[in-house]
Amino acid sequence: IYREMLSGIQERQDEFYLTSSNEQLISKVYHALLKDHPELFWVHNREEVYTTAYKGTDYCRFSPGYTYTDQEIQEIMAFMEHALEEVKEQITQDMSAYDKVKTVYTYLIDHAEYEASGDDQNIAGIFWKKKAVCAGYAKATQYLLERLGVFCTYVTGTAWNGQAHAWNLVSCD
């Protein structure tokens, strides 16, 4: 299901078939995929998934929903690539993973404001609008560090004040 979903979303298909009709499983896989792939910023990150099941079968039609036009996607991707190149210019061959993490951290806080916006939950907020909240920062960090060869995953949970929060788990020295 994960591979079917990833392929359909990467190809920006409006709907495609999955080899399961279990909505709970599909929802779990969908949200895991979005956490694994911050570069899929154009996918709507809604709580509910939209499927059409067929009675007596174990497959469904899946509709992920997209938030950006093809032109916007290309523009945002150009900003993402530009940011990656700027970060790479600051990375030296002898840098430790910790120093790479610190470089990415500094780059992101210097180039975007921690502020709610229409794109604040994904990397488009950071790279395109220069405004995001924790989810946007965490996904941008994941995107950059993965491309620099540093293990980084996106984590969500509840902060000390009871608010939903996102951060990263990284492997560095």
C-alpha atoms as a PDB file:
ATOM      1  CA  ILE A   1       0.000   0.000   0.000  1.00  0.00           C
ATOM      2  CA  TYR A   2       2.851   2.356   0.886  1.00  0.00           C
ATOM      3  CA  ARG A   3       4.565   1.861  -2.482  1.00  0.00           C
ATOM      4  CA  GLU A   4       1.290   2.185  -4.403  1.00  0.00           C
ATOM      5  CA  MET A   5       0.480   5.389  -2.560  1.00  0.00           C
ATOM      6  CA  LEU A   6       3.987   6.818  -2.982  1.00  0.00           C
ATOM      7  CA  SER A   7       3.960   6.122  -6.714  1.00  0.00           C
ATOM      8  CA  GLY A   8       0.514   7.663  -7.241  1.00  0.00           C
ATOM      9  CA  ILE A   9       1.397  10.775  -5.238  1.00  0.00           C
ATOM     10  CA  GLN A  10       4.790  11.240  -6.901  1.00  0.00           C
ATOM     11  CA  GLU A  11       3.024  11.104 -10.268  1.00  0.00           C
ATOM     12  CA  ARG A  12       0.406  13.545  -8.879  1.00  0.00           C
ATOM     13  CA  GLN A  13      -2.470  11.320  -9.904  1.00  0.00           C
ATOM     14  CA  ASP A  14      -5.846  12.647  -8.750  1.00  0.00           C
ATOM     15  CA  GLU A  15      -6.940   9.129  -7.858  1.00  0.00           C
ATOM     16  CA  PHE A  16      -5.486   5.640  -8.059  1.00  0.00           C
ATOM     17  CA  TYR A  17      -6.124   2.144  -6.787  1.00  0.00           C
ATOM     18  CA  LEU A  18      -4.755   0.611  -3.599  1.00  0.00           C
ATOM     19  CA  THR A  19      -4.730  -3.099  -2.836  1.00  0.00           C
ATOM     20  CA  SER A  20      -6.655  -2.644   0.419  1.00  0.00           C
ATOM     21  CA  SER A  21     -10.043  -1.292   1.369  1.00  0.00           C
ATOM     22  CA  ASN A  22      -9.225  -0.993   5.075  1.00  0.00           C
ATOM     23  CA  GLU A  23      -9.620   2.755   5.689  1.00  0.00           C
ATOM     24  CA  GLN A  24      -7.891   2.628   9.070  1.00  0.00           C
ATOM     25  CA  LEU A  25      -4.822   0.947   7.552  1.00  0.00           C
ATOM     26  CA  ILE A  26      -4.845   3.303   4.554  1.00  0.00           C
ATOM     27  CA  SER A  27      -4.993   6.325   6.866  1.00  0.00           C
ATOM     28  CA  LYS A  28      -2.081   4.998   8.949  1.00  0.00           C
ATOM     29  CA  VAL A  29       0.029   4.360   5.842  1.00  0.00           C
ATOM     30  CA  TYR A  30      -0.884   7.752   4.344  1.00  0.00           C
ATOM     31  CA  HIS A  31       0.223   9.697   7.397  1.00  0.00           C
ATOM     32  CA  ALA A  32       3.402   7.621   7.771  1.00  0.00           C
ATOM     33  CA  LEU A  33       4.248   8.303   4.120  1.00  0.00           C
ATOM     34  CA  LEU A  34       3.806  12.053   4.601  1.00  0.00           C
ATOM     35  CA  LYS A  35       6.107  11.959   7.643  1.00  0.00           C
ATOM     36  CA  ASP A  36       8.726  10.014   5.673  1.00  0.00           C
ATOM     37  CA  HIS A  37       8.615  12.279   2.604  1.00  0.00           C
ATOM     38  CA  PRO A  38       8.637  16.017   3.345  1.00  0.00           C
ATOM     39  CA  GLU A  39       9.370  16.627  -0.345  1.00  0.00           C
ATOM     40  CA  LEU A  40       5.758  15.623  -1.078  1.00  0.00           C
ATOM     41  CA  PHE A  41       4.620  19.009   0.215  1.00  0.00           C
ATOM     42  CA  TRP A  42       1.859  19.318  -2.389  1.00  0.00           C
ATOM     43  CA  VAL A  43      -0.257  16.577  -0.782  1.00  0.00           C
ATOM     44  CA  HIS A  44      -3.093  17.678   1.449  1.00  0.00           C
ATOM     45  CA  ASN A  45      -2.254  16.665   5.034  1.00  0.00           C
ATOM     46  CA  ARG A  46      -5.798  16.144   6.220  1.00  0.00           C
ATOM     47  CA  GLU A  47      -6.879  13.850   9.017  1.00  0.00           C
ATOM     48  CA  GLU A  48      -9.407  11.901   6.932  1.00  0.00           C
ATOM     49  CA  VAL A  49      -8.501   9.989   3.808  1.00  0.00           C
ATOM     50  CA  TYR A  50     -10.848   9.705   0.853  1.00  0.00           C
ATOM     51  CA  THR A  51     -11.415   6.264  -0.568  1.00  0.00           C
ATOM     52  CA  THR A  52     -14.038   4.546  -2.668  1.00  0.00           C
ATOM     53  CA  ALA A  53     -14.343   0.860  -1.778  1.00  0.00           C
ATOM     54  CA  TYR A  54     -16.084  -1.785  -3.872  1.00  0.00           C
ATOM     55  CA  LYS A  55     -18.320  -4.301  -2.109  1.00  0.00           C
ATOM     56  CA  GLY A  56     -16.816  -7.775  -1.926  1.00  0.00           C
ATOM     57  CA  THR A  57     -13.300  -6.651  -2.968  1.00  0.00           C
ATOM     58  CA  ASP A  58     -10.083  -5.880  -1.152  1.00  0.00           C
ATOM     59  CA  TYR A  59      -9.115  -2.769  -3.086  1.00  0.00           C
ATOM     60  CA  CYS A  60     -10.244   0.825  -3.283  1.00  0.00           C
ATOM     61  CA  ARG A  61      -9.817   4.007  -5.240  1.00  0.00           C
ATOM     62  CA  PHE A  62      -7.767   6.564  -3.296  1.00  0.00           C
ATOM     63  CA  SER A  63      -7.908  10.354  -3.699  1.00  0.00           C
ATOM     64  CA  PRO A  64      -5.051  12.099  -1.868  1.00  0.00           C
ATOM     65  CA  GLY A  65      -5.928  15.708  -2.698  1.00  0.00           C
ATOM     66  CA  TYR A  66      -3.352  18.308  -3.665  1.00  0.00           C
ATOM     67  CA  THR A  67      -2.861  21.834  -2.373  1.00  0.00           C
ATOM     68  CA  TYR A  68      -0.725  23.432  -5.101  1.00  0.00           C
ATOM     69  CA  THR A  69      -0.885  23.848  -8.862  1.00  0.00           C
ATOM     70  CA  ASP A  70       1.803  22.315 -11.077  1.00  0.00           C
ATOM     71  CA  GLN A  71       3.302  25.778 -11.586  1.00  0.00           C
ATOM     72  CA  GLU A  72       3.448  26.414  -7.833  1.00  0.00           C
ATOM     73  CA  ILE A  73       5.022  23.002  -7.259  1.00  0.00           C
ATOM     74  CA  GLN A  74       7.779  23.774  -9.753  1.00  0.00           C
ATOM     75  CA  GLU A  75       8.370  27.181  -8.180  1.00  0.00           C
ATOM     76  CA  ILE A  76       8.536  25.754  -4.650  1.00  0.00           C
ATOM     77  CA  MET A  77      10.856  22.954  -5.783  1.00  0.00           C
ATOM     78  CA  ALA A  78      13.200  25.545  -7.293  1.00  0.00           C
ATOM     79  CA  PHE A  79      13.303  27.343  -3.920  1.00  0.00           C
ATOM     80  CA  MET A  80      13.990  24.010  -2.178  1.00  0.00           C
ATOM     81  CA  GLU A  81      16.862  23.239  -4.538  1.00  0.00           C
ATOM     82  CA  HIS A  82      18.287  26.725  -4.104  1.00  0.00           C
ATOM     83  CA  ALA A  83      18.216  26.341  -0.307  1.00  0.00           C
ATOM     84  CA  LEU A  84      19.912  22.945  -0.547  1.00  0.00           C
ATOM     85  CA  GLU A  85      22.670  24.421  -2.706  1.00  0.00           C
ATOM     86  CA  GLU A  86      23.160  27.309  -0.259  1.00  0.00           C
ATOM     87  CA  VAL A  87      23.491  24.860   2.628  1.00  0.00           C
ATOM     88  CA  LYS A  88      25.879  22.631   0.659  1.00  0.00           C
ATOM     89  CA  GLU A  89      28.128  25.651   0.096  1.00  0.00           C
ATOM     90  CA  GLN A  90      28.553  25.862   3.879  1.00  0.00           C
ATOM     91  CA  ILE A  91      29.346  22.164   4.309  1.00  0.00           C
ATOM     92  CA  THR A  92      32.949  21.011   4.222  1.00  0.00           C
ATOM     93  CA  GLN A  93      34.141  17.468   3.612  1.00  0.00           C
ATOM     94  CA  ASP A  94      35.548  17.085   7.134  1.00  0.00           C
ATOM     95  CA  MET A  95      32.364  18.277   8.907  1.00  0.00           C
ATOM     96  CA  SER A  96      30.833  15.964  11.469  1.00  0.00           C
ATOM     97  CA  ALA A  97      27.157  15.081  11.396  1.00  0.00           C
ATOM     98  CA  TYR A  98      26.675  17.399  14.382  1.00  0.00           C
ATOM     99  CA  ASP A  99      28.188  20.318  12.464  1.00  0.00           C
ATOM    100  CA  LYS A 100      25.927  19.576   9.484  1.00  0.00           C
ATOM    101  CA  VAL A 101      22.890  19.582  11.777  1.00  0.00           C
ATOM    102  CA  LYS A 102      24.014  22.878  13.308  1.00  0.00           C
ATOM    103  CA  THR A 103      24.539  24.365   9.827  1.00  0.00           C
ATOM    104  CA  VAL A 104      21.022  23.358   8.722  1.00  0.00           C
ATOM    105  CA  TYR A 105      19.543  24.681  11.973  1.00  0.00           C
ATOM    106  CA  THR A 106      21.283  28.035  11.591  1.00  0.00           C
ATOM    107  CA  TYR A 107      20.336  28.295   7.922  1.00  0.00           C
ATOM    108  CA  LEU A 108      16.642  27.680   8.620  1.00  0.00           C
ATOM    109  CA  ILE A 109      16.317  30.091  11.533  1.00  0.00           C
ATOM    110  CA  ASP A 110      18.167  32.755   9.537  1.00  0.00           C
ATOM    111  CA  HIS A 111      15.972  32.342   6.441  1.00  0.00           C
ATOM    112  CA  ALA A 112      12.438  31.970   7.826  1.00  0.00           C
ATOM    113  CA  GLU A 113      10.241  33.367  10.566  1.00  0.00           C
ATOM    114  CA  TYR A 114       8.414  31.220  13.098  1.00  0.00           C
ATOM    115  CA  GLU A 115       4.950  32.427  12.161  1.00  0.00           C
ATOM    116  CA  ALA A 116       1.604  30.935  11.243  1.00  0.00           C
ATOM    117  CA  SER A 117       0.711  31.203   7.565  1.00  0.00           C
ATOM    118  CA  GLY A 118      -1.249  29.372   4.915  1.00  0.00           C
ATOM    119  CA  ASP A 119       1.744  27.132   4.225  1.00  0.00           C
ATOM    120  CA  ASP A 120       3.097  26.825   7.761  1.00  0.00           C
ATOM    121  CA  GLN A 121       2.717  23.049   8.101  1.00  0.00           C
ATOM    122  CA  ASN A 122       5.063  22.027   5.289  1.00  0.00           C
ATOM    123  CA  ILE A 123       8.359  22.882   3.672  1.00  0.00           C
ATOM    124  CA  ALA A 124       6.718  25.289   1.239  1.00  0.00           C
ATOM    125  CA  GLY A 125       6.265  27.602   4.201  1.00  0.00           C
ATOM    126  CA  ILE A 126       9.988  27.628   4.920  1.00  0.00           C
ATOM    127  CA  PHE A 127      11.457  27.680   1.420  1.00  0.00           C
ATOM    128  CA  TRP A 128       8.759  29.581  -0.491  1.00  0.00           C
ATOM    129  CA  LYS A 129       6.939  31.863   1.951  1.00  0.00           C
ATOM    130  CA  LYS A 130       9.763  32.145   4.520  1.00  0.00           C
ATOM    131  CA  LYS A 131       7.228  31.582   7.329  1.00  0.00           C
ATOM    132  CA  ALA A 132       6.297  28.370   9.139  1.00  0.00           C
ATOM    133  CA  VAL A 133       5.647  26.787  12.496  1.00  0.00           C
ATOM    134  CA  CYS A 134       7.196  23.688  14.052  1.00  0.00           C
ATOM    135  CA  ALA A 135       5.923  21.269  11.381  1.00  0.00           C
ATOM    136  CA  GLY A 136       7.359  23.358   8.549  1.00  0.00           C
ATOM    137  CA  TYR A 137      10.717  23.726  10.291  1.00  0.00           C
ATOM    138  CA  ALA A 138      10.897  20.022  11.148  1.00  0.00           C
ATOM    139  CA  LYS A 139      10.044  18.928   7.605  1.00  0.00           C
ATOM    140  CA  ALA A 140      12.556  21.391   6.117  1.00  0.00           C
ATOM    141  CA  THR A 141      15.224  20.103   8.509  1.00  0.00           C
ATOM    142  CA  GLN A 142      14.435  16.520   7.525  1.00  0.00           C
ATOM    143  CA  TYR A 143      14.546  17.379   3.830  1.00  0.00           C
ATOM    144  CA  LEU A 144      17.950  19.093   4.037  1.00  0.00           C
ATOM    145  CA  LEU A 145      19.643  16.650   6.413  1.00  0.00           C
ATOM    146  CA  GLU A 146      18.553  13.588   4.441  1.00  0.00           C
ATOM    147  CA  ARG A 147      20.136  15.101   1.346  1.00  0.00           C
ATOM    148  CA  LEU A 148      23.336  15.736   3.318  1.00  0.00           C
ATOM    149  CA  GLY A 149      23.482  12.079   4.378  1.00  0.00           C
ATOM    150  CA  VAL A 150      22.449  12.638   8.002  1.00  0.00           C
ATOM    151  CA  PHE A 151      19.719  10.391   9.381  1.00  0.00           C
ATOM    152  CA  CYS A 152      16.736  12.532  10.302  1.00  0.00           C
ATOM    153  CA  THR A 153      13.133  11.666  10.910  1.00  0.00           C
ATOM    154  CA  TYR A 154      10.046  13.745  11.581  1.00  0.00           C
ATOM    155  CA  VAL A 155       8.395  13.282  14.976  1.00  0.00           C
ATOM    156  CA  THR A 156       5.053  14.538  16.267  1.00  0.00           C
ATOM    157  CA  GLY A 157       3.537  14.567  19.702  1.00  0.00           C
ATOM    158  CA  THR A 158       2.408  16.824  22.478  1.00  0.00           C
ATOM    159  CA  ALA A 159       4.562  19.565  23.985  1.00  0.00           C
ATOM    160  CA  TRP A 160       4.743  20.259  27.719  1.00  0.00           C
ATOM    161  CA  ASN A 161       1.861  22.748  27.446  1.00  0.00           C
ATOM    162  CA  GLY A 162      -0.500  20.201  25.860  1.00  0.00           C
ATOM    163  CA  GLN A 163      -0.152  21.656  22.359  1.00  0.00           C
ATOM    164  CA  ALA A 164       0.555  19.497  19.306  1.00  0.00           C
ATOM    165  CA  HIS A 165       4.187  19.815  18.302  1.00  0.00           C
ATOM    166  CA  ALA A 166       6.671  18.535  15.710  1.00  0.00           C
ATOM    167  CA  TRP A 167      10.438  18.104  15.884  1.00  0.00           C
ATOM    168  CA  ASN A 168      13.240  15.947  14.523  1.00  0.00           C
ATOM    169  CA  LEU A 169      15.155  12.934  15.690  1.00  0.00           C
ATOM    170  CA  VAL A 170      18.644  12.992  14.193  1.00  0.00           C
ATOM    171  CA  SER A 171      21.692  10.775  14.422  1.00  0.00           C
ATOM    172  CA  CYS A 172      24.790  12.843  15.029  1.00  0.00           C
ATOM    173  CA  ASP A 173      27.936  11.716  16.806  1.00  0.00           C
END
